[in-house]
Each structure stands twice: as C-alpha cells, then as structure tokens.
C-alpha atoms as a PDB file:
ATOM      1  CA  MET A   1      24.649  72.589  95.986  1.00  0.00           C
ATOM      2  CA  SER A   2      26.100  68.806  96.539  1.00  0.00           C
ATOM      3  CA  LEU A   3      28.878  68.271  94.143  1.00  0.00           C
ATOM      4  CA  LYS A   4      29.638  64.772  92.821  1.00  0.00           C
ATOM      5  CA  VAL A   5      32.885  63.575  91.519  1.00  0.00           C
ATOM      6  CA  ARG A   6      31.512  60.807  88.925  1.00  0.00           C
ATOM      7  CA  LEU A   7      31.417  58.985  85.656  1.00  0.00           C
ATOM      8  CA  ALA A   8      29.540  60.244  82.955  1.00  0.00           C
ATOM      9  CA  ARG A   9      28.707  57.526  79.831  1.00  0.00           C
ATOM     10  CA  GLY A  10      29.708  57.948  76.516  1.00  0.00           C
ATOM     11  CA  GLY A  11      30.786  55.726  73.510  1.00  0.00           C
ATOM     12  CA  ALA A  12      28.942  53.358  71.329  1.00  0.00           C
ATOM     13  CA  LYS A  13      26.802  50.351  72.484  1.00  0.00           C
ATOM     14  CA  LYS A  14      28.968  47.778  74.304  1.00  0.00           C
ATOM     15  CA  ARG A  15      31.903  50.203  73.793  1.00  0.00           C
ATOM     16  CA  PRO A  16      31.732  52.259  77.059  1.00  0.00           C
ATOM     17  CA  TYR A  17      34.089  55.222  77.207  1.00  0.00           C
ATOM     18  CA  TYR A  18      33.695  57.197  80.556  1.00  0.00           C
ATOM     19  CA  ARG A  19      34.223  61.186  81.279  1.00  0.00           C
ATOM     20  CA  ILE A  20      35.517  61.851  84.970  1.00  0.00           C
ATOM     21  CA  VAL A  21      32.994  64.754  85.827  1.00  0.00           C
ATOM     22  CA  VAL A  22      32.273  66.707  88.557  1.00  0.00           C
ATOM     23  CA  ALA A  23      28.394  67.397  88.483  1.00  0.00           C
ATOM     24  CA  ASP A  24      25.572  68.677  90.612  1.00  0.00           C
ATOM     25  CA  SER A  25      24.254  65.292  92.430  1.00  0.00           C
ATOM     26  CA  ARG A  26      20.884  66.315  91.058  1.00  0.00           C
ATOM     27  CA  SER A  27      21.779  66.569  87.703  1.00  0.00           C
ATOM     28  CA  PRO A  28      21.709  63.392  85.173  1.00  0.00           C
ATOM     29  CA  ARG A  29      24.187  60.824  84.730  1.00  0.00           C
ATOM     30  CA  ASP A  30      24.914  61.801  81.280  1.00  0.00           C
ATOM     31  CA  GLY A  31      23.849  65.380  81.324  1.00  0.00           C
ATOM     32  CA  ARG A  32      25.152  68.722  82.822  1.00  0.00           C
ATOM     33  CA  PHE A  33      28.248  68.728  84.458  1.00  0.00           C
ATOM     34  CA  ILE A  34      30.407  71.698  85.715  1.00  0.00           C
ATOM     35  CA  GLU A  35      33.923  70.481  84.555  1.00  0.00           C
ATOM     36  CA  LYS A  36      35.295  67.583  82.934  1.00  0.00           C
ATOM     37  CA  ILE A  37      38.587  66.465  85.035  1.00  0.00           C
ATOM     38  CA  GLY A  38      39.297  63.231  83.350  1.00  0.00           C
ATOM     39  CA  SER A  39      38.532  59.928  81.322  1.00  0.00           C
ATOM     40  CA  TYR A  40      38.504  56.453  81.715  1.00  0.00           C
ATOM     41  CA  ASN A  41      38.518  53.726  78.888  1.00  0.00           C
ATOM     42  CA  PRO A  42      37.545  50.458  80.040  1.00  0.00           C
ATOM     43  CA  MET A  43      38.057  48.680  76.698  1.00  0.00           C
ATOM     44  CA  LEU A  44      42.369  49.062  77.126  1.00  0.00           C
ATOM     45  CA  PRO A  45      44.162  46.745  79.163  1.00  0.00           C
ATOM     46  CA  LYS A  46      44.557  47.319  82.956  1.00  0.00           C
ATOM     47  CA  ASP A  47      48.313  48.087  82.574  1.00  0.00           C
ATOM     48  CA  HIS A  48      47.811  50.662  79.524  1.00  0.00           C
ATOM     49  CA  ALA A  49      48.654  54.192  80.746  1.00  0.00           C
ATOM     50  CA  ASP A  50      45.816  55.897  78.878  1.00  0.00           C
ATOM     51  CA  ARG A  51      43.142  53.389  80.628  1.00  0.00           C
ATOM     52  CA  ILE A  52      42.673  56.262  83.259  1.00  0.00           C
ATOM     53  CA  GLN A  53      43.623  59.792  82.888  1.00  0.00           C
ATOM     54  CA  ILE A  54      42.749  62.382  85.651  1.00  0.00           C
ATOM     55  CA  ASN A  55      43.971  65.998  86.242  1.00  0.00           C
ATOM     56  CA  GLU A  56      45.419  65.478  89.546  1.00  0.00           C
ATOM     57  CA  GLU A  57      45.433  69.615  90.356  1.00  0.00           C
ATOM     58  CA  ARG A  58      41.647  69.729  89.661  1.00  0.00           C
ATOM     59  CA  VAL A  59      40.573  66.700  91.630  1.00  0.00           C
ATOM     60  CA  LYS A  60      42.501  68.370  94.586  1.00  0.00           C
ATOM     61  CA  HIS A  61      40.670  71.766  93.979  1.00  0.00           C
ATOM     62  CA  TRP A  62      37.495  69.977  93.872  1.00  0.00           C
ATOM     63  CA  LEU A  63      37.845  67.622  96.891  1.00  0.00           C
ATOM     64  CA  SER A  64      39.043  70.577  98.721  1.00  0.00           C
ATOM     65  CA  VAL A  65      35.767  72.679  97.711  1.00  0.00           C
ATOM     66  CA  GLY A  66      33.824  69.825  99.264  1.00  0.00           C
ATOM     67  CA  ALA A  67      33.083  67.522  96.137  1.00  0.00           C
ATOM     68  CA  THR A  68      32.306  63.889  97.175  1.00  0.00           C
ATOM     69  CA  PRO A  69      33.465  60.916  94.640  1.00  0.00           C
ATOM     70  CA  THR A  70      31.329  58.020  93.653  1.00  0.00           C
ATOM     71  CA  ASP A  71      33.060  54.670  94.795  1.00  0.00           C
ATOM     72  CA  ARG A  72      34.327  53.751  91.404  1.00  0.00           C
ATOM     73  CA  VAL A  73      35.940  57.482  91.119  1.00  0.00           C
ATOM     74  CA  GLN A  74      37.399  57.063  94.578  1.00  0.00           C
ATOM     75  CA  ARG A  75      38.897  54.009  93.975  1.00  0.00           C
ATOM     76  CA  PHE A  76      40.767  55.269  90.817  1.00  0.00           C
ATOM     77  CA  LEU A  77      41.824  58.224  93.388  1.00  0.00           C
ATOM     78  CA  ALA A  78      43.105  55.758  95.876  1.00  0.00           C
ATOM     79  CA  ASN A  79      45.174  54.003  93.439  1.00  0.00           C
ATOM     80  CA  MET A  80      46.657  57.708  92.428  1.00  0.00           C
ATOM     81  CA  GLY A  81      47.106  58.031  96.246  1.00  0.00           C
ATOM     82  CA  LEU A  82      44.993  61.529  95.983  1.00  0.00           C
ATOM     83  CA  ALA A  83      41.999  59.918  98.586  1.00  0.00           C
ATOM     84  CA  GLU A  84      41.913  56.780 101.022  1.00  0.00           C
ATOM     85  CA  LYS A  85      40.103  53.608  99.254  1.00  0.00           C
ATOM     86  CA  PRO A  86      36.276  53.338 100.183  1.00  0.00           C
ATOM     87  CA  ALA A  87      35.466  50.852 102.529  1.00  0.00           C
ATOM     88  CA  ILE A  88      33.987  47.626 101.201  1.00  0.00           C
ATOM     89  CA  ASN A  89      30.242  47.348 101.570  1.00  0.00           C
ATOM     90  CA  GLU A  90      29.143  43.877 103.439  1.00  0.00           C
ATOM     91  CA  GLN A  91      27.543  41.486 101.139  1.00  0.00           C
ATOM     92  CA  PRO A  92      24.175  40.126 102.118  1.00  0.00           C
ATOM     93  CA  LYS A  93      23.702  37.202 103.676  1.00  0.00           C
ATOM     94  CA  LYS A  94      20.468  36.043 101.542  1.00  0.00           C
ATOM     95  CA  SER A  95      22.459  33.306  99.443  1.00  0.00           C
ATOM     96  CA  ALA A  96      24.151  31.489 102.415  1.00  0.00           C
ATOM     97  CA  PRO A  97      22.222  28.025 103.561  1.00  0.00           C
ATOM     98  CA  SER A  98      19.971  27.819 106.147  1.00  0.00           C
ATOM     99  CA  ALA A  99      20.795  26.524 109.791  1.00  0.00           C
ATOM    100  CA  LYS A 100      18.868  23.513 109.074  1.00  0.00           C
ATOM    101  CA  THR A 101      20.822  22.733 105.835  1.00  0.00           C
ATOM    102  CA  LEU A 102      24.050  23.127 107.756  1.00  0.00           C
ATOM    103  CA  GLU A 103      23.143  20.761 109.992  1.00  0.00           C
ATOM    104  CA  ARG A 104      22.240  18.020 107.159  1.00  0.00           C
ATOM    105  CA  ILE A 105      25.689  18.753 105.698  1.00  0.00           C
ATOM    106  CA  ARG A 106      27.381  18.265 108.933  1.00  0.00           C
ATOM    107  CA  GLU A 107      25.396  14.749 109.748  1.00  0.00           C
ATOM    108  CA  ARG A 108      26.399  13.633 106.099  1.00  0.00           C
ATOM    109  CA  GLU A 109      30.186  14.429 106.711  1.00  0.00           C
ATOM    110  CA  GLU A 110      30.014  12.807 110.251  1.00  0.00           C
ATOM    111  CA  LYS A 111      28.296   9.962 108.382  1.00  0.00           C
ATOM    112  CA  ALA A 112      31.166   9.782 105.645  1.00  0.00           C
ATOM    113  CA  ALA A 113      33.992  10.045 108.279  1.00  0.00           C
ATOM    114  CA  ALA A 114      32.350   7.111 110.270  1.00  0.00           C
ATOM    115  CA  ALA A 115      32.267   5.166 107.088  1.00  0.00           C
ATOM    116  CA  ALA A 116      35.491   5.943 106.395  1.00  0.00           C
ATOM    117  CA  GLU A 117      36.879   5.061 109.572  1.00  0.00           C
ATOM    118  CA  ALA A 118      34.915   1.544 109.930  1.00  0.00           C
ATOM    119  CA  ALA A 119      36.221   0.651 106.487  1.00  0.00           C
ATOM    120  CA  ALA A 120      39.862   1.187 107.844  1.00  0.00           C
ATOM    121  CA  GLU A 121      39.273  -0.880 111.064  1.00  0.00           C
ATOM    122  CA  ALA A 122      37.830  -3.602 108.539  1.00  0.00           C
ATOM    123  CA  THR A 123      40.919  -3.559 106.451  1.00  0.00           C
ATOM    124  CA  GLU A 124      43.373  -3.367 109.378  1.00  0.00           C
ATOM    125  CA  ALA A 125      41.388  -6.350 110.741  1.00  0.00           C
ATOM    126  CA  ALA A 126      41.608  -8.456 107.369  1.00  0.00           C
ATOM    127  CA  GLU A 127      45.363  -7.625 107.296  1.00  0.00           C
ATOM    128  CA  GLY A 128      46.048  -8.970 111.031  1.00  0.00           C
ATOM    129  CA  ALA A 129      43.940 -11.896 110.636  1.00  0.00           C
ATOM    130  CA  GLU A 130      46.239 -13.088 107.313  1.00  0.00           C
ATOM    131  CA  ALA A 131      49.295 -12.926 109.125  1.00  0.00           C
END
C-alpha cells in the first residue's frame, strides 16, 4: 500500500480550506483517508499563525513508515524543517521564441545601434563645423 501525505479540499465554493491527510495513493483526493495530521487555510494572510497547522510528531511517524508527501505538502514540511525542499521542475521551452525570431530581433538591434551611432557622428560633425 503506497501512502501519500497530501491535501484534501474542503470549504465552500471560492473559500478553500484544506486538511493535510495521510491517505492511500489510490483513494480519491477528498475521499477516504487514514489520518488527519494538519490543516491549511489559504484565505489567511501568509504571516498568520493559523494558516498552516501540522502535527509534527505524526508527520515524523508517517514519513518514517514510508509515506511520501506531495510537492505542496513537502514545501510546507521544508519550511518547518521536517523535510528537504522539493526540486524545482524545469519549465517547458515551448513558449520561447524560435531561432529565426531571435535572429530577426538581433538584426533589428544591430540596425538600431548602427543608426544611433550614425546620428551621434552626424551631431559631432555638425558641432565641429560650427566651431
């Protein structure tokens, strides 16, 4: 049986409230769980003491038994010093501009730099001719 320490959503529509629970990985998100070990209220300010409440003793027990926390719960535990921070997943490069677009941008910048340089030389020449 694979155990997960995860969030189970509660609360009203647009007013979320989460229980931090230990559950079988096959059970539904808001369904059956083994034990409630804390709560998370995202509606409270980040510096509020009651925003995240976790029973540290029970978390240590379940982690020693082999339960794996989800990314969000692992972040909470890392802030409390009970686990290491989760690795940041690499973002997809699909939205990055293509090589051809980057080449066009580079050409535009070079033209703009050349035009600015020519304008500076022209003003210097005009100042030199007046003197």
